[in-house]
Amino acid sequence: MTAPEVSFSDLQLRGKAVADQLRRTPGQSLLVRRRDAEDLVLTTAERAEQEHTVSAATTRMFVALMRRDGAARELVTDVLPDAFPWVKFLPRDDVQAFVVELVSVLRAAESIENPAPVVAVIEGWRHTAMVFADPALAAVLAGPTDDDFGAVPEPSTR
């Protein structure tokens, strides 16, 4: 289900009406569209806490299952392409490495209540799959690296 939308101007100019709209759609969020910046999601504190509780409980159960049961780890490795179709391009050993790293980072990220590390792991492995999917790129990256290509610039901070 798609969240109802309001403009940022509406939120600024008609804040009470926007809050009333949110209250009339229990269990929902409002998507706040902004022209010159990233959109926002407006929800109630209670709903945010409920979503966090569900996510944390699911993560804890999944991690516990994966740490205790080898058959569960094998099953997750087998069904991973349903959740992440791009793993089809990874070698089997890398799929297993992805599962191990994902479970480890899920556990750690849940403990600090920050999903960003999980997203970074998923994106890193997805980019790895993209390399394996492109034989020409994989060949270039697997080729000799005898040359010094100079200093690597500092990453930009956005």
Protein backbone atom coordinates (compact mmCIF):
# COMPACT_ATOMS: atom_id res chain seq x y z
CA MET A 1 0.00 0.00 0.00
CA THR A 2 1.35 3.41 -0.97
CA ALA A 3 1.48 6.07 1.72
CA PRO A 4 -0.67 9.16 1.20
CA GLU A 5 1.36 12.19 0.14
CA VAL A 6 1.50 15.80 1.27
CA SER A 7 3.79 18.57 0.19
CA PHE A 8 6.32 20.09 2.56
CA SER A 9 4.52 23.41 2.07
CA ASP A 10 1.28 21.81 3.30
CA LEU A 11 3.10 20.54 6.37
CA GLN A 12 4.47 24.01 7.06
CA LEU A 13 1.28 25.95 6.32
CA ARG A 14 -1.34 23.48 7.52
CA GLY A 15 0.52 21.46 10.15
CA LYS A 16 -2.55 20.71 12.27
CA ALA A 17 -4.56 19.53 9.25
CA VAL A 18 -1.67 17.30 8.13
CA ALA A 19 -1.42 15.83 11.64
CA ASP A 20 -5.18 15.21 11.58
CA GLN A 21 -4.80 13.46 8.21
CA LEU A 22 -2.14 11.20 9.72
CA ARG A 23 -4.36 10.44 12.70
CA ARG A 24 -7.27 9.51 10.37
CA THR A 25 -5.12 6.86 8.66
CA PRO A 26 -4.13 4.59 11.56
CA GLY A 27 -1.16 2.38 10.88
CA GLN A 28 -0.10 4.58 7.99
CA SER A 29 2.56 7.14 7.34
CA LEU A 30 2.49 10.25 5.23
CA LEU A 31 5.05 10.84 2.52
CA VAL A 32 6.17 14.46 2.70
CA ARG A 33 7.36 15.55 -0.75
CA ARG A 34 10.08 18.19 -0.90
CA ARG A 35 11.25 19.93 -4.04
CA ASP A 36 14.88 20.57 -3.19
CA ALA A 37 15.67 17.82 -0.73
CA GLU A 38 15.03 14.21 0.08
CA ASP A 39 11.40 13.34 0.81
CA LEU A 40 10.40 12.66 4.41
CA VAL A 41 8.10 10.13 6.03
CA LEU A 42 5.84 11.37 8.79
CA THR A 43 4.49 8.83 11.24
CA THR A 44 3.50 8.67 14.87
CA ALA A 45 6.03 7.84 17.57
CA GLU A 46 3.92 4.83 18.55
CA ARG A 47 3.94 3.49 14.98
CA ALA A 48 7.70 4.02 14.67
CA GLU A 49 8.25 2.13 17.94
CA GLN A 50 5.99 -0.72 16.76
CA GLU A 51 7.91 -1.02 13.49
CA HIS A 52 11.21 -1.01 15.35
CA THR A 53 9.99 -3.70 17.77
CA VAL A 54 8.85 -5.95 14.91
CA SER A 55 12.07 -5.44 12.97
CA ALA A 56 14.27 -6.08 16.03
CA ALA A 57 12.34 -9.22 17.01
CA THR A 58 12.51 -10.60 13.47
CA THR A 59 16.22 -9.88 13.25
CA ARG A 60 16.96 -11.50 16.62
CA MET A 61 14.99 -14.64 15.74
CA PHE A 62 16.57 -14.92 12.31
CA VAL A 63 20.10 -14.44 13.66
CA ALA A 64 19.52 -16.97 16.46
CA LEU A 65 18.19 -19.53 14.00
CA MET A 66 21.12 -19.00 11.64
CA ARG A 67 23.70 -19.29 14.44
CA ARG A 68 22.23 -22.51 15.88
CA ASP A 69 21.10 -24.57 12.91
CA GLY A 70 23.30 -25.62 10.00
CA ALA A 71 20.24 -26.79 8.06
CA ALA A 72 18.71 -23.33 8.43
CA ARG A 73 21.89 -21.74 7.08
CA GLU A 74 21.81 -24.11 4.10
CA LEU A 75 18.11 -23.39 3.49
CA VAL A 76 18.68 -19.63 3.62
CA THR A 77 21.57 -19.98 1.18
CA ASP A 78 19.28 -21.94 -1.16
CA VAL A 79 16.37 -19.47 -1.00
CA LEU A 80 18.50 -16.31 -1.02
CA PRO A 81 17.88 -15.77 -4.77
CA ASP A 82 14.19 -15.22 -3.97
CA ALA A 83 15.10 -12.22 -1.81
CA PHE A 84 18.18 -11.09 -3.74
CA PRO A 85 17.95 -12.33 -7.36
CA TRP A 86 21.40 -10.92 -8.15
CA VAL A 87 23.11 -13.60 -6.00
CA LYS A 88 22.71 -15.90 -9.03
CA PHE A 89 25.82 -14.14 -10.40
CA LEU A 90 27.94 -14.89 -7.30
CA PRO A 91 29.98 -18.08 -6.95
CA ARG A 92 28.46 -20.48 -4.38
CA ASP A 93 31.24 -19.77 -1.84
CA ASP A 94 30.52 -16.04 -2.13
CA VAL A 95 26.80 -16.62 -1.59
CA GLN A 96 27.67 -18.40 1.64
CA ALA A 97 30.08 -15.59 2.60
CA PHE A 98 27.28 -13.07 1.94
CA VAL A 99 24.93 -15.02 4.24
CA VAL A 100 27.52 -15.17 7.03
CA GLU A 101 28.36 -11.48 6.75
CA LEU A 102 24.71 -10.46 6.49
CA VAL A 103 23.76 -12.38 9.63
CA SER A 104 26.72 -10.96 11.55
CA VAL A 105 25.99 -7.39 10.52
CA LEU A 106 22.23 -7.80 11.11
CA ARG A 107 23.00 -8.77 14.69
CA ALA A 108 25.47 -5.94 15.26
CA ALA A 109 23.32 -3.30 13.55
CA GLU A 110 20.25 -4.30 15.55
CA SER A 111 22.25 -3.90 18.76
CA ILE A 112 22.96 -0.25 17.91
CA GLU A 113 19.56 0.35 16.30
CA ASN A 114 21.11 1.47 13.01
CA PRO A 115 20.17 -0.28 9.74
CA ALA A 116 22.81 1.55 7.66
CA PRO A 117 25.51 -1.15 8.05
CA VAL A 118 23.07 -3.80 6.79
CA VAL A 119 22.29 -1.72 3.72
CA ALA A 120 26.04 -1.27 3.11
CA VAL A 121 26.63 -5.05 3.22
CA ILE A 122 23.76 -5.74 0.83
CA GLU A 123 24.88 -3.04 -1.58
CA GLY A 124 28.51 -4.17 -1.44
CA TRP A 125 27.58 -7.74 -2.34
CA ARG A 126 25.16 -6.52 -5.03
CA HIS A 127 28.00 -4.57 -6.62
CA THR A 128 30.20 -7.66 -6.44
CA ALA A 129 27.48 -9.60 -8.26
CA MET A 130 27.40 -6.88 -10.91
CA VAL A 131 31.11 -7.46 -11.55
CA PHE A 132 30.62 -11.22 -11.90
CA ALA A 133 27.67 -10.58 -14.24
CA ASP A 134 29.90 -8.62 -16.64
CA PRO A 135 32.71 -10.90 -17.91
CA ALA A 136 34.62 -7.99 -19.49
CA LEU A 137 34.60 -6.01 -16.26
CA ALA A 138 35.50 -9.09 -14.22
CA ALA A 139 38.45 -9.75 -16.55
CA VAL A 140 39.73 -6.18 -16.18
CA LEU A 141 39.44 -6.31 -12.40
CA ALA A 142 41.06 -9.75 -12.24
CA GLY A 143 43.91 -8.67 -14.49
CA PRO A 144 47.41 -7.70 -13.40
CA THR A 145 47.78 -4.63 -11.23
CA ASP A 146 51.50 -4.04 -11.53
CA ASP A 147 51.08 -0.36 -12.38
CA ASP A 148 50.70 2.30 -9.74
CA PHE A 149 47.65 4.33 -10.61
CA GLY A 150 48.47 7.10 -8.17
CA ALA A 151 46.84 8.35 -5.03
CA VAL A 152 43.21 7.58 -4.39
CA PRO A 153 41.21 10.74 -3.74
CA GLU A 154 39.37 11.16 -0.45
CA PRO A 155 35.75 10.05 -0.72
CA SER A 156 33.31 12.90 -0.98
CA THR A 157 30.93 13.52 1.87
CA ARG A 158 27.44 14.28 0.77
